[in-house]
PDB file of N, CA and C in Angstrom:
ATOM      1  N   MET A   1      -1.440  91.719 103.781  1.00  0.00           N
ATOM      2  CA  MET A   1      -1.982  92.584 102.765  1.00  0.00           C
ATOM      3  C   MET A   1      -2.457  93.904 103.378  1.00  0.00           C
ATOM      4  N   ARG A   2      -3.120  93.792 104.551  1.00  0.00           N
ATOM      5  CA  ARG A   2      -3.591  95.000 105.227  1.00  0.00           C
ATOM      6  C   ARG A   2      -2.425  95.880 105.647  1.00  0.00           C
ATOM      7  N   LEU A   3      -1.374  95.226 106.136  1.00  0.00           N
ATOM      8  CA  LEU A   3      -0.188  95.981 106.549  1.00  0.00           C
ATOM      9  C   LEU A   3       0.387  96.753 105.364  1.00  0.00           C
ATOM     10  N   LEU A   4       0.426  96.114 104.212  1.00  0.00           N
ATOM     11  CA  LEU A   4       0.923  96.779 103.008  1.00  0.00           C
ATOM     12  C   LEU A   4       0.051  97.970 102.642  1.00  0.00           C
ATOM     13  N   LEU A   5      -1.251  97.851 102.775  1.00  0.00           N
ATOM     14  CA  LEU A   5      -2.159  98.955 102.492  1.00  0.00           C
ATOM     15  C   LEU A   5      -1.961 100.102 103.482  1.00  0.00           C
ATOM     16  N   VAL A   6      -1.763  99.760 104.742  1.00  0.00           N
ATOM     17  CA  VAL A   6      -1.531 100.784 105.763  1.00  0.00           C
ATOM     18  C   VAL A   6      -0.217 101.515 105.488  1.00  0.00           C
ATOM     19  N   VAL A   7       0.823 100.763 105.194  1.00  0.00           N
ATOM     20  CA  VAL A   7       2.125 101.370 104.894  1.00  0.00           C
ATOM     21  C   VAL A   7       2.015 102.264 103.658  1.00  0.00           C
ATOM     22  N   ASN A   8       1.352 101.773 102.619  1.00  0.00           N
ATOM     23  CA  ASN A   8       1.159 102.587 101.418  1.00  0.00           C
ATOM     24  C   ASN A   8       0.357 103.838 101.721  1.00  0.00           C
ATOM     25  N   GLY A   9      -0.680 103.699 102.551  1.00  0.00           N
ATOM     26  CA  GLY A   9      -1.496 104.854 102.932  1.00  0.00           C
ATOM     27  C   GLY A   9      -0.688 105.892 103.677  1.00  0.00           C
ATOM     28  N   LEU A  10       0.136 105.440 104.613  1.00  0.00           N
ATOM     29  CA  LEU A  10       0.994 106.365 105.366  1.00  0.00           C
ATOM     30  C   LEU A  10       1.995 107.050 104.445  1.00  0.00           C
ATOM     31  N   PHE A  11       2.548 106.291 103.503  1.00  0.00           N
ATOM     32  CA  PHE A  11       3.493 106.883 102.557  1.00  0.00           C
ATOM     33  C   PHE A  11       2.815 107.957 101.721  1.00  0.00           C
ATOM     34  N   VAL A  12       1.609 107.666 101.247  1.00  0.00           N
ATOM     35  CA  VAL A  12       0.868 108.632 100.423  1.00  0.00           C
ATOM     36  C   VAL A  12       0.552 109.877 101.237  1.00  0.00           C
ATOM     37  N   LEU A  13       0.134 109.721 102.487  1.00  0.00           N
ATOM     38  CA  LEU A  13      -0.141 110.873 103.346  1.00  0.00           C
ATOM     39  C   LEU A  13       1.105 111.723 103.561  1.00  0.00           C
ATOM     40  N   HIS A  14       2.201 111.055 103.878  1.00  0.00           N
ATOM     41  CA  HIS A  14       3.460 111.775 104.111  1.00  0.00           C
ATOM     42  C   HIS A  14       3.914 112.500 102.839  1.00  0.00           C
ATOM     43  N   PHE A  15       3.869 111.814 101.717  1.00  0.00           N
ATOM     44  CA  PHE A  15       4.305 112.397 100.458  1.00  0.00           C
ATOM     45  C   PHE A  15       3.402 113.557 100.048  1.00  0.00           C
ATOM     46  N   SER A  16       2.090 113.432 100.248  1.00  0.00           N
ATOM     47  CA  SER A  16       1.181 114.517  99.862  1.00  0.00           C
ATOM     48  C   SER A  16       1.373 115.732 100.755  1.00  0.00           C
ATOM     49  N   SER A  17       1.664 115.531 102.049  1.00  0.00           N
ATOM     50  CA  SER A  17       1.928 116.679 102.922  1.00  0.00           C
ATOM     51  C   SER A  17       3.237 117.353 102.537  1.00  0.00           C
ATOM     52  N   PHE A  18       4.221 116.553 102.121  1.00  0.00           N
ATOM     53  CA  PHE A  18       5.480 117.118 101.637  1.00  0.00           C
ATOM     54  C   PHE A  18       5.237 117.952 100.390  1.00  0.00           C
ATOM     55  N   LEU A  19       4.429 117.429  99.467  1.00  0.00           N
ATOM     56  CA  LEU A  19       4.125 118.162  98.228  1.00  0.00           C
ATOM     57  C   LEU A  19       3.364 119.449  98.511  1.00  0.00           C
ATOM     58  N   MET A  20       2.453 119.425  99.476  1.00  0.00           N
ATOM     59  CA  MET A  20       1.709 120.637  99.823  1.00  0.00           C
ATOM     60  C   MET A  20       2.638 121.688 100.410  1.00  0.00           C
ATOM     61  N   ALA A  21       3.556 121.286 101.275  1.00  0.00           N
ATOM     62  CA  ALA A  21       4.517 122.226 101.851  1.00  0.00           C
ATOM     63  C   ALA A  21       5.425 122.790 100.765  1.00  0.00           C
ATOM     64  N   GLU A  22       5.881 121.929  99.861  1.00  0.00           N
ATOM     65  CA  GLU A  22       6.733 122.366  98.749  1.00  0.00           C
ATOM     66  C   GLU A  22       5.971 123.334  97.846  1.00  0.00           C
ATOM     67  N   ASN A  23       4.713 123.036  97.591  1.00  0.00           N
ATOM     68  CA  ASN A  23       3.876 123.903  96.766  1.00  0.00           C
ATOM     69  C   ASN A  23       3.696 125.266  97.416  1.00  0.00           C
ATOM     70  N   LYS A  24       3.491 125.281  98.743  1.00  0.00           N
ATOM     71  CA  LYS A  24       3.323 126.546  99.458  1.00  0.00           C
ATOM     72  C   LYS A  24       4.591 127.387  99.360  1.00  0.00           C
ATOM     73  N   MET A  25       5.761 126.751  99.507  1.00  0.00           N
ATOM     74  CA  MET A  25       7.019 127.492  99.403  1.00  0.00           C
ATOM     75  C   MET A  25       7.199 128.064  97.998  1.00  0.00           C
ATOM     76  N   ASN A  26       6.874 127.259  96.981  1.00  0.00           N
ATOM     77  CA  ASN A  26       6.996 127.751  95.608  1.00  0.00           C
ATOM     78  C   ASN A  26       6.041 128.908  95.356  1.00  0.00           C
ATOM     79  N   THR A  27       4.825 128.822  95.882  1.00  0.00           N
ATOM     80  CA  THR A  27       3.859 129.903  95.716  1.00  0.00           C
ATOM     81  C   THR A  27       4.349 131.168  96.407  1.00  0.00           C
ATOM     82  N   LEU A  28       4.887 131.031  97.613  1.00  0.00           N
ATOM     83  CA  LEU A  28       5.434 132.189  98.325  1.00  0.00           C
ATOM     84  C   LEU A  28       6.602 132.806  97.562  1.00  0.00           C
ATOM     85  N   ALA A  29       7.472 131.958  97.030  1.00  0.00           N
ATOM     86  CA  ALA A  29       8.616 132.454  96.268  1.00  0.00           C
ATOM     87  C   ALA A  29       8.150 133.196  95.012  1.00  0.00           C
ATOM     88  N   GLU A  30       7.158 132.653  94.325  1.00  0.00           N
ATOM     89  CA  GLU A  30       6.618 133.326  93.143  1.00  0.00           C
ATOM     90  C   GLU A  30       5.950 134.644  93.511  1.00  0.00           C
ATOM     91  N   ASP A  31       5.208 134.657  94.612  1.00  0.00           N
ATOM     92  CA  ASP A  31       4.550 135.879  95.077  1.00  0.00           C
ATOM     93  C   ASP A  31       5.586 136.927  95.466  1.00  0.00           C
ATOM     94  N   CYS A  32       6.653 136.487  96.126  1.00  0.00           N
ATOM     95  CA  CYS A  32       7.755 137.385  96.505  1.00  0.00           C
ATOM     96  C   CYS A  32       8.357 138.029  95.262  1.00  0.00           C
ATOM     97  N   PHE A  33       8.633 137.206  94.258  1.00  0.00           N
ATOM     98  CA  PHE A  33       9.242 137.725  93.031  1.00  0.00           C
ATOM     99  C   PHE A  33       8.297 138.695  92.326  1.00  0.00           C
ATOM    100  N   HIS A  34       7.028 138.352  92.256  1.00  0.00           N
ATOM    101  CA  HIS A  34       6.053 139.241  91.611  1.00  0.00           C
ATOM    102  C   HIS A  34       5.963 140.572  92.356  1.00  0.00           C
ATOM    103  N   GLU A  35       5.918 140.503  93.684  1.00  0.00           N
ATOM    104  CA  GLU A  35       5.854 141.731  94.483  1.00  0.00           C
ATOM    105  C   GLU A  35       7.092 142.584  94.233  1.00  0.00           C
ATOM    106  N   TRP A  36       8.246 141.937  94.129  1.00  0.00           N
ATOM    107  CA  TRP A  36       9.483 142.684  93.873  1.00  0.00           C
ATOM    108  C   TRP A  36       9.441 143.364  92.511  1.00  0.00           C
ATOM    109  N   THR A  37       8.948 142.677  91.484  1.00  0.00           N
ATOM    110  CA  THR A  37       8.899 143.282  90.145  1.00  0.00           C
ATOM    111  C   THR A  37       8.011 144.514  90.140  1.00  0.00           C
ATOM    112  N   MET A  38       7.005 144.539  91.006  1.00  0.00           N
ATOM    113  CA  MET A  38       6.096 145.681  91.064  1.00  0.00           C
ATOM    114  C   MET A  38       6.761 146.911  91.692  1.00  0.00           C
ATOM    115  N   ARG A  39       7.863 146.723  92.363  1.00  0.00           N
ATOM    116  CA  ARG A  39       8.563 147.858  92.991  1.00  0.00           C
ATOM    117  C   ARG A  39       9.242 148.757  91.956  1.00  0.00           C
ATOM    118  N   GLY A  40       9.571 148.189  90.814  1.00  0.00           N
ATOM    119  CA  GLY A  40      10.159 148.988  89.744  1.00  0.00           C
ATOM    120  C   GLY A  40      11.595 149.420  89.987  1.00  0.00           C
ATOM    121  N   TRP A  41      12.383 148.608  90.654  1.00  0.00           N
ATOM    122  CA  TRP A  41      13.788 148.949  90.864  1.00  0.00           C
ATOM    123  C   TRP A  41      14.480 149.120  89.516  1.00  0.00           C
ATOM    124  N   THR A  42      15.348 150.116  89.435  1.00  0.00           N
ATOM    125  CA  THR A  42      16.130 150.344  88.216  1.00  0.00           C
ATOM    126  C   THR A  42      17.611 150.333  88.551  1.00  0.00           C
ATOM    127  N   ILE A  43      18.416 150.050  87.514  1.00  0.00           N
ATOM    128  CA  ILE A  43      19.862 149.953  87.696  1.00  0.00           C
ATOM    129  C   ILE A  43      20.552 150.770  86.612  1.00  0.00           C
ATOM    130  N   GLY A  44      21.615 151.445  87.009  1.00  0.00           N
ATOM    131  CA  GLY A  44      22.466 152.150  86.055  1.00  0.00           C
ATOM    132  C   GLY A  44      21.951 153.524  85.679  1.00  0.00           C
ATOM    133  N   GLU A  45      22.800 154.220  84.944  1.00  0.00           N
ATOM    134  CA  GLU A  45      22.462 155.578  84.521  1.00  0.00           C
ATOM    135  C   GLU A  45      21.292 155.604  83.552  1.00  0.00           C
ATOM    136  N   ASP A  46      21.120 154.530  82.799  1.00  0.00           N
ATOM    137  CA  ASP A  46      20.010 154.491  81.846  1.00  0.00           C
ATOM    138  C   ASP A  46      18.712 154.000  82.488  1.00  0.00           C
ATOM    139  N   GLN A  47      18.743 153.780  83.810  1.00  0.00           N
ATOM    140  CA  GLN A  47      17.561 153.375  84.572  1.00  0.00           C
ATOM    141  C   GLN A  47      16.891 152.115  84.014  1.00  0.00           C
ATOM    142  N   THR A  48      17.705 151.125  83.663  1.00  0.00           N
ATOM    143  CA  THR A  48      17.192 149.853  83.173  1.00  0.00           C
ATOM    144  C   THR A  48      16.415 149.163  84.290  1.00  0.00           C
ATOM    145  N   PRO A  49      15.195 148.709  84.019  1.00  0.00           N
ATOM    146  CA  PRO A  49      14.452 147.974  85.055  1.00  0.00           C
ATOM    147  C   PRO A  49      15.227 146.717  85.466  1.00  0.00           C
ATOM    148  N   ALA A  50      15.455 146.572  86.766  1.00  0.00           N
ATOM    149  CA  ALA A  50      16.213 145.421  87.288  1.00  0.00           C
ATOM    150  C   ALA A  50      15.543 144.104  86.919  1.00  0.00           C
ATOM    151  N   SER A  51      14.231 144.120  86.807  1.00  0.00           N
ATOM    152  CA  SER A  51      13.515 142.886  86.474  1.00  0.00           C
ATOM    153  C   SER A  51      13.785 142.428  85.042  1.00  0.00           C
ATOM    154  N   GLN A  52      14.300 143.315  84.200  1.00  0.00           N
ATOM    155  CA  GLN A  52      14.611 142.965  82.816  1.00  0.00           C
ATOM    156  C   GLN A  52      16.040 142.468  82.641  1.00  0.00           C
ATOM    157  N   LEU A  53      16.827 142.527  83.690  1.00  0.00           N
ATOM    158  CA  LEU A  53      18.203 142.025  83.653  1.00  0.00           C
ATOM    159  C   LEU A  53      18.202 140.605  84.211  1.00  0.00           C
ATOM    160  N   LYS A  54      18.356 139.639  83.324  1.00  0.00           N
ATOM    161  CA  LYS A  54      18.224 138.229  83.710  1.00  0.00           C
ATOM    162  C   LYS A  54      19.102 137.841  84.895  1.00  0.00           C
ATOM    163  N   PRO A  55      20.384 138.182  84.928  1.00  0.00           N
ATOM    164  CA  PRO A  55      21.187 137.780  86.101  1.00  0.00           C
ATOM    165  C   PRO A  55      20.645 138.375  87.406  1.00  0.00           C
ATOM    166  N   PHE A  56      20.155 139.606  87.341  1.00  0.00           N
ATOM    167  CA  PHE A  56      19.618 140.240  88.547  1.00  0.00           C
ATOM    168  C   PHE A  56      18.305 139.581  88.949  1.00  0.00           C
ATOM    169  N   SER A  57      17.401 139.394  87.998  1.00  0.00           N
ATOM    170  CA  SER A  57      16.113 138.780  88.340  1.00  0.00           C
ATOM    171  C   SER A  57      16.292 137.326  88.781  1.00  0.00           C
ATOM    172  N   ASP A  58      17.259 136.607  88.209  1.00  0.00           N
ATOM    173  CA  ASP A  58      17.547 135.241  88.655  1.00  0.00           C
ATOM    174  C   ASP A  58      18.020 135.242  90.115  1.00  0.00           C
ATOM    175  N   GLY A  59      18.860 136.220  90.459  1.00  0.00           N
ATOM    176  CA  GLY A  59      19.331 136.339  91.841  1.00  0.00           C
ATOM    177  C   GLY A  59      18.201 136.649  92.803  1.00  0.00           C
ATOM    178  N   ILE A  60      17.288 137.516  92.400  1.00  0.00           N
ATOM    179  CA  ILE A  60      16.132 137.847  93.236  1.00  0.00           C
ATOM    180  C   ILE A  60      15.247 136.611  93.404  1.00  0.00           C
ATOM    181  N   GLN A  61      15.075 135.848  92.333  1.00  0.00           N
ATOM    182  CA  GLN A  61      14.273 134.630  92.445  1.00  0.00           C
ATOM    183  C   GLN A  61      14.897 133.667  93.449  1.00  0.00           C
ATOM    184  N   ARG A  62      16.214 133.551  93.432  1.00  0.00           N
ATOM    185  CA  ARG A  62      16.901 132.661  94.381  1.00  0.00           C
ATOM    186  C   ARG A  62      16.721 133.173  95.807  1.00  0.00           C
ATOM    187  N   ILE A  63      16.818 134.484  95.997  1.00  0.00           N
ATOM    188  CA  ILE A  63      16.619 135.063  97.329  1.00  0.00           C
ATOM    189  C   ILE A  63      15.182 134.828  97.788  1.00  0.00           C
ATOM    190  N   CYS A  64      14.227 134.972  96.880  1.00  0.00           N
ATOM    191  CA  CYS A  64      12.820 134.713  97.223  1.00  0.00           C
ATOM    192  C   CYS A  64      12.623 133.260  97.633  1.00  0.00           C
ATOM    193  N   GLN A  65      13.286 132.345  96.949  1.00  0.00           N
ATOM    194  CA  GLN A  65      13.181 130.926  97.297  1.00  0.00           C
ATOM    195  C   GLN A  65      13.747 130.686  98.700  1.00  0.00           C
ATOM    196  N   LEU A  66      14.898 131.270  98.988  1.00  0.00           N
ATOM    197  CA  LEU A  66      15.496 131.109 100.314  1.00  0.00           C
ATOM    198  C   LEU A  66      14.620 131.745 101.389  1.00  0.00           C
ATOM    199  N   ARG A  67      14.024 132.904 101.077  1.00  0.00           N
ATOM    200  CA  ARG A  67      13.142 133.564 102.038  1.00  0.00           C
ATOM    201  C   ARG A  67      11.934 132.682 102.341  1.00  0.00           C
ATOM    202  N   SER A  68      11.371 132.041 101.305  1.00  0.00           N
ATOM    203  CA  SER A  68      10.204 131.192 101.541  1.00  0.00           C
ATOM    204  C   SER A  68      10.585 129.965 102.366  1.00  0.00           C
ATOM    205  N   GLU A  69      11.780 129.428 102.152  1.00  0.00           N
ATOM    206  CA  GLU A  69      12.245 128.295 102.948  1.00  0.00           C
ATOM    207  C   GLU A  69      12.436 128.696 104.411  1.00  0.00           C
ATOM    208  N   LEU A  70      13.038 129.862 104.623  1.00  0.00           N
ATOM    209  CA  LEU A  70      13.224 130.341 105.996  1.00  0.00           C
ATOM    210  C   LEU A  70      11.881 130.654 106.652  1.00  0.00           C
ATOM    211  N   HIS A  71      10.939 131.181 105.878  1.00  0.00           N
ATOM    212  CA  HIS A  71       9.602 131.469 106.403  1.00  0.00           C
ATOM    213  C   HIS A  71       8.901 130.178 106.828  1.00  0.00           C
ATOM    214  N   ALA A  72       9.110 129.104 106.087  1.00  0.00           N
ATOM    215  CA  ALA A  72       8.516 127.808 106.442  1.00  0.00           C
ATOM    216  C   ALA A  72       9.063 127.312 107.781  1.00  0.00           C
ATOM    217  N   GLU A  73      10.307 127.657 108.089  1.00  0.00           N
ATOM    218  CA  GLU A  73      10.927 127.259 109.350  1.00  0.00           C
ATOM    219  C   GLU A  73      10.571 128.207 110.492  1.00  0.00           C
ATOM    220  N   ASP A  74      10.370 129.487 110.165  1.00  0.00           N
ATOM    221  CA  ASP A  74      10.108 130.519 111.179  1.00  0.00           C
ATOM    222  C   ASP A  74       9.171 131.554 110.575  1.00  0.00           C
ATOM    223  N   GLU A  75       7.932 131.563 111.037  1.00  0.00           N
ATOM    224  CA  GLU A  75       6.936 132.470 110.451  1.00  0.00           C
ATOM    225  C   GLU A  75       7.249 133.948 110.677  1.00  0.00           C
ATOM    226  N   ASN A  76       8.198 134.255 111.559  1.00  0.00           N
ATOM    227  CA  ASN A  76       8.592 135.644 111.776  1.00  0.00           C
ATOM    228  C   ASN A  76       9.533 136.167 110.692  1.00  0.00           C
ATOM    229  N   VAL A  77      10.002 135.283 109.827  1.00  0.00           N
ATOM    230  CA  VAL A  77      10.824 135.686 108.687  1.00  0.00           C
ATOM    231  C   VAL A  77       9.872 136.003 107.542  1.00  0.00           C
ATOM    232  N   SER A  78       9.934 137.215 107.071  1.00  0.00           N
ATOM    233  CA  SER A  78       9.057 137.605 105.966  1.00  0.00           C
ATOM    234  C   SER A  78       9.472 136.876 104.691  1.00  0.00           C
ATOM    235  N   PRO A  79       8.497 136.361 103.936  1.00  0.00           N
ATOM    236  CA  PRO A  79       8.838 135.709 102.676  1.00  0.00           C
ATOM    237  C   PRO A  79       9.095 136.717 101.551  1.00  0.00           C
ATOM    238  N   TYR A  80       9.005 138.011 101.853  1.00  0.00           N
ATOM    239  CA  TYR A  80       9.165 139.055 100.840  1.00  0.00           C
ATOM    240  C   TYR A  80      10.487 139.796 100.992  1.00  0.00           C
ATOM    241  N   ILE A  81      10.943 140.370  99.885  1.00  0.00           N
ATOM    242  CA  ILE A  81      12.195 141.130  99.866  1.00  0.00           C
ATOM    243  C   ILE A  81      12.083 142.310 100.822  1.00  0.00           C
ATOM    244  N   GLU A  82      13.080 142.437 101.671  1.00  0.00           N
ATOM    245  CA  GLU A  82      13.158 143.566 102.591  1.00  0.00           C
ATOM    246  C   GLU A  82      14.452 144.311 102.308  1.00  0.00           C
ATOM    247  N   GLY A  83      14.478 145.554 102.677  1.00  0.00           N
ATOM    248  CA  GLY A  83      15.678 146.345 102.484  1.00  0.00           C
ATOM    249  C   GLY A  83      15.657 147.077 101.154  1.00  0.00           C
ATOM    250  N   ARG A  84      16.701 147.844 100.941  1.00  0.00           N
ATOM    251  CA  ARG A  84      16.802 148.651  99.730  1.00  0.00           C
ATOM    252  C   ARG A  84      17.734 147.987  98.736  1.00  0.00           C
ATOM    253  N   LEU A  85      17.687 148.483  97.518  1.00  0.00           N
ATOM    254  CA  LEU A  85      18.507 147.942  96.432  1.00  0.00           C
ATOM    255  C   LEU A  85      19.980 147.883  96.812  1.00  0.00           C
ATOM    256  N   ALA A  86      20.494 148.971  97.377  1.00  0.00           N
ATOM    257  CA  ALA A  86      21.918 149.014  97.721  1.00  0.00           C
ATOM    258  C   ALA A  86      22.289 147.966  98.773  1.00  0.00           C
ATOM    259  N   GLU A  87      21.357 147.605  99.631  1.00  0.00           N
ATOM    260  CA  GLU A  87      21.625 146.596 100.656  1.00  0.00           C
ATOM    261  C   GLU A  87      21.632 145.184 100.080  1.00  0.00           C
ATOM    262  N   ILE A  88      20.711 144.925  99.201  1.00  0.00           N
ATOM    263  CA  ILE A  88      20.517 143.562  98.721  1.00  0.00           C
ATOM    264  C   ILE A  88      21.361 143.219  97.500  1.00  0.00           C
ATOM    265  N   ALA A  89      21.797 144.227  96.755  1.00  0.00           N
ATOM    266  CA  ALA A  89      22.540 143.999  95.512  1.00  0.00           C
ATOM    267  C   ALA A  89      23.744 143.071  95.671  1.00  0.00           C
ATOM    268  N   PRO A  90      24.553 143.203  96.718  1.00  0.00           N
ATOM    269  CA  PRO A  90      25.699 142.289  96.834  1.00  0.00           C
ATOM    270  C   PRO A  90      25.292 140.822  96.961  1.00  0.00           C
ATOM    271  N   TYR A  91      24.106 140.565  97.476  1.00  0.00           N
ATOM    272  CA  TYR A  91      23.647 139.186  97.664  1.00  0.00           C
ATOM    273  C   TYR A  91      22.978 138.622  96.415  1.00  0.00           C
ATOM    274  N   VAL A  92      22.529 139.499  95.527  1.00  0.00           N
ATOM    275  CA  VAL A  92      21.826 139.066  94.320  1.00  0.00           C
ATOM    276  C   VAL A  92      22.737 138.210  93.452  1.00  0.00           C
ATOM    277  N   PHE A  93      23.990 138.588  93.346  1.00  0.00           N
ATOM    278  CA  PHE A  93      24.923 137.874  92.481  1.00  0.00           C
ATOM    279  C   PHE A  93      25.757 136.849  93.238  1.00  0.00           C
ATOM    280  N   SER A  94      25.528 136.734  94.540  1.00  0.00           N
ATOM    281  CA  SER A  94      26.286 135.794  95.361  1.00  0.00           C
ATOM    282  C   SER A  94      25.688 134.401  95.241  1.00  0.00           C
ATOM    283  N   GLY A  95      26.529 133.433  95.126  1.00  0.00           N
ATOM    284  CA  GLY A  95      26.070 132.051  95.126  1.00  0.00           C
ATOM    285  C   GLY A  95      26.102 131.451  96.520  1.00  0.00           C
ATOM    286  N   ASP A  96      26.486 132.262  97.490  1.00  0.00           N
ATOM    287  CA  ASP A  96      26.649 131.793  98.860  1.00  0.00           C
ATOM    288  C   ASP A  96      25.307 131.839  99.594  1.00  0.00           C
ATOM    289  N   GLU A  97      24.592 130.711  99.562  1.00  0.00           N
ATOM    290  CA  GLU A  97      23.268 130.656 100.172  1.00  0.00           C
ATOM    291  C   GLU A  97      23.316 130.923 101.672  1.00  0.00           C
ATOM    292  N   GLU A  98      24.364 130.477 102.332  1.00  0.00           N
ATOM    293  CA  GLU A  98      24.471 130.682 103.776  1.00  0.00           C
ATOM    294  C   GLU A  98      24.597 132.178 104.097  1.00  0.00           C
ATOM    295  N   ALA A  99      25.369 132.917 103.295  1.00  0.00           N
ATOM    296  CA  ALA A  99      25.498 134.365 103.507  1.00  0.00           C
ATOM    297  C   ALA A  99      24.162 135.069 103.276  1.00  0.00           C
ATOM    298  N   ILE A 100      23.422 134.616 102.274  1.00  0.00           N
ATOM    299  CA  ILE A 100      22.108 135.209 101.993  1.00  0.00           C
ATOM    300  C   ILE A 100      21.158 134.933 103.159  1.00  0.00           C
ATOM    301  N   LYS A 101      21.174 133.711 103.663  1.00  0.00           N
ATOM    302  CA  LYS A 101      20.316 133.374 104.792  1.00  0.00           C
ATOM    303  C   LYS A 101      20.670 134.210 106.017  1.00  0.00           C
ATOM    304  N   GLN A 102      21.971 134.384 106.275  1.00  0.00           N
ATOM    305  CA  GLN A 102      22.391 135.200 107.415  1.00  0.00           C
ATOM    306  C   GLN A 102      21.930 136.647 107.258  1.00  0.00           C
ATOM    307  N   TYR A 103      22.002 137.180 106.039  1.00  0.00           N
ATOM    308  CA  TYR A 103      21.521 138.528 105.765  1.00  0.00           C
ATOM    309  C   TYR A 103      20.016 138.625 106.053  1.00  0.00           C
ATOM    310  N   ILE A 104      19.249 137.649 105.593  1.00  0.00           N
ATOM    311  CA  ILE A 104      17.798 137.643 105.813  1.00  0.00           C
ATOM    312  C   ILE A 104      17.496 137.580 107.310  1.00  0.00           C
ATOM    313  N   LEU A 105      18.197 136.724 108.034  1.00  0.00           N
ATOM    314  CA  LEU A 105      17.970 136.606 109.472  1.00  0.00           C
ATOM    315  C   LEU A 105      18.390 137.871 110.209  1.00  0.00           C
ATOM    316  N   LYS A 106      19.423 138.538 109.721  1.00  0.00           N
ATOM    317  CA  LYS A 106      19.854 139.798 110.335  1.00  0.00           C
ATOM    318  C   LYS A 106      18.773 140.857 110.150  1.00  0.00           C
ATOM    319  N   LEU A 107      18.142 140.875 108.982  1.00  0.00           N
ATOM    320  CA  LEU A 107      17.037 141.810 108.751  1.00  0.00           C
ATOM    321  C   LEU A 107      15.871 141.514 109.690  1.00  0.00           C
ATOM    322  N   LYS A 108      15.603 140.242 109.923  1.00  0.00           N
ATOM    323  CA  LYS A 108      14.516 139.860 110.835  1.00  0.00           C
ATOM    324  C   LYS A 108      14.797 140.397 112.228  1.00  0.00           C
ATOM    325  N   GLU A 109      16.033 140.258 112.686  1.00  0.00           N
ATOM    326  CA  GLU A 109      16.399 140.753 114.017  1.00  0.00           C
ATOM    327  C   GLU A 109      16.285 142.260 114.095  1.00  0.00           C
ATOM    328  N   ARG A 110      16.745 142.941 113.063  1.00  0.00           N
ATOM    329  CA  ARG A 110      16.697 144.401 113.055  1.00  0.00           C
ATOM    330  C   ARG A 110      15.265 144.915 112.994  1.00  0.00           C
ATOM    331  N   ARG A 111      14.428 144.202 112.248  1.00  0.00           N
ATOM    332  CA  ARG A 111      13.046 144.640 112.079  1.00  0.00           C
ATOM    333  C   ARG A 111      12.312 144.663 113.411  1.00  0.00           C
ATOM    334  N   SER A 112      12.629 143.739 114.284  1.00  0.00           N
ATOM    335  CA  SER A 112      11.911 143.665 115.545  1.00  0.00           C
ATOM    336  C   SER A 112      12.381 144.718 116.548  1.00  0.00           C
ATOM    337  N   GLY A 113      13.542 145.295 116.313  1.00  0.00           N
ATOM    338  CA  GLY A 113      14.059 146.304 117.217  1.00  0.00           C
ATOM    339  C   GLY A 113      13.388 147.653 117.023  1.00  0.00           C
ATOM    340  N   ALA A 114      13.437 148.483 118.032  1.00  0.00           N
ATOM    341  CA  ALA A 114      12.777 149.787 117.987  1.00  0.00           C
ATOM    342  C   ALA A 114      13.455 150.748 117.032  1.00  0.00           C
ATOM    343  N   TYR A 115      14.724 150.526 116.691  1.00  0.00           N
ATOM    344  CA  TYR A 115      15.462 151.503 115.910  1.00  0.00           C
ATOM    345  C   TYR A 115      15.687 151.115 114.459  1.00  0.00           C
ATOM    346  N   TYR A 116      15.137 150.012 114.032  1.00  0.00           N
ATOM    347  CA  TYR A 116      15.334 149.600 112.636  1.00  0.00           C
ATOM    348  C   TYR A 116      14.551 150.529 111.711  1.00  0.00           C
ATOM    349  N   SER A 117      15.243 151.098 110.738  1.00  0.00           N
ATOM    350  CA  SER A 117      14.590 152.032 109.834  1.00  0.00           C
ATOM    351  C   SER A 117      14.610 151.549 108.392  1.00  0.00           C
ATOM    352  N   GLY A 118      15.173 150.366 108.163  1.00  0.00           N
ATOM    353  CA  GLY A 118      15.294 149.880 106.794  1.00  0.00           C
ATOM    354  C   GLY A 118      16.521 150.425 106.101  1.00  0.00           C
ATOM    355  N   SER A 119      17.344 151.159 106.827  1.00  0.00           N
ATOM    356  CA  SER A 119      18.546 151.730 106.233  1.00  0.00           C
ATOM    357  C   SER A 119      19.654 150.686 106.223  1.00  0.00           C
ATOM    358  N   PHE A 120      20.806 151.061 105.738  1.00  0.00           N
ATOM    359  CA  PHE A 120      21.923 150.136 105.578  1.00  0.00           C
ATOM    360  C   PHE A 120      22.274 149.466 106.902  1.00  0.00           C
ATOM    361  N   LEU A 121      22.636 148.201 106.779  1.00  0.00           N
ATOM    362  CA  LEU A 121      23.105 147.489 107.954  1.00  0.00           C
ATOM    363  C   LEU A 121      24.487 148.011 108.316  1.00  0.00           C
ATOM    364  N   SER A 122      24.739 148.202 109.584  1.00  0.00           N
ATOM    365  CA  SER A 122      26.012 148.801 109.975  1.00  0.00           C
ATOM    366  C   SER A 122      27.093 147.786 110.278  1.00  0.00           C
ATOM    367  N   ASP A 123      26.748 146.518 110.386  1.00  0.00           N
ATOM    368  CA  ASP A 123      27.796 145.553 110.714  1.00  0.00           C
ATOM    369  C   ASP A 123      27.934 144.484 109.667  1.00  0.00           C
TER     370      ASP A 123
END
């Protein structure tokens, strides 16, 4: 009976730590998305707010989720959107999570270098 209680206790501890980590990632992703909406990016000649275009905002939310996951693995990866609209736009509509992750990691590498200016990636 004691063994069962110990096993149950360990399971509850493990599961609660998993839930806390998951909650932190969701909070970071939500904070990332909120911070992005405050930037006021616009699209098109009519200057439509990007946050009002559901496919675009859905893509940004997915990128924010991936950024928070990468941040959980490596604290040097910012959980917030980096780069300019023209740089990130091709990834917003991409379903290729691996390509998005590679883009985020490439930004991390560039950010640490002395010459990174936030301008377009050259490679």
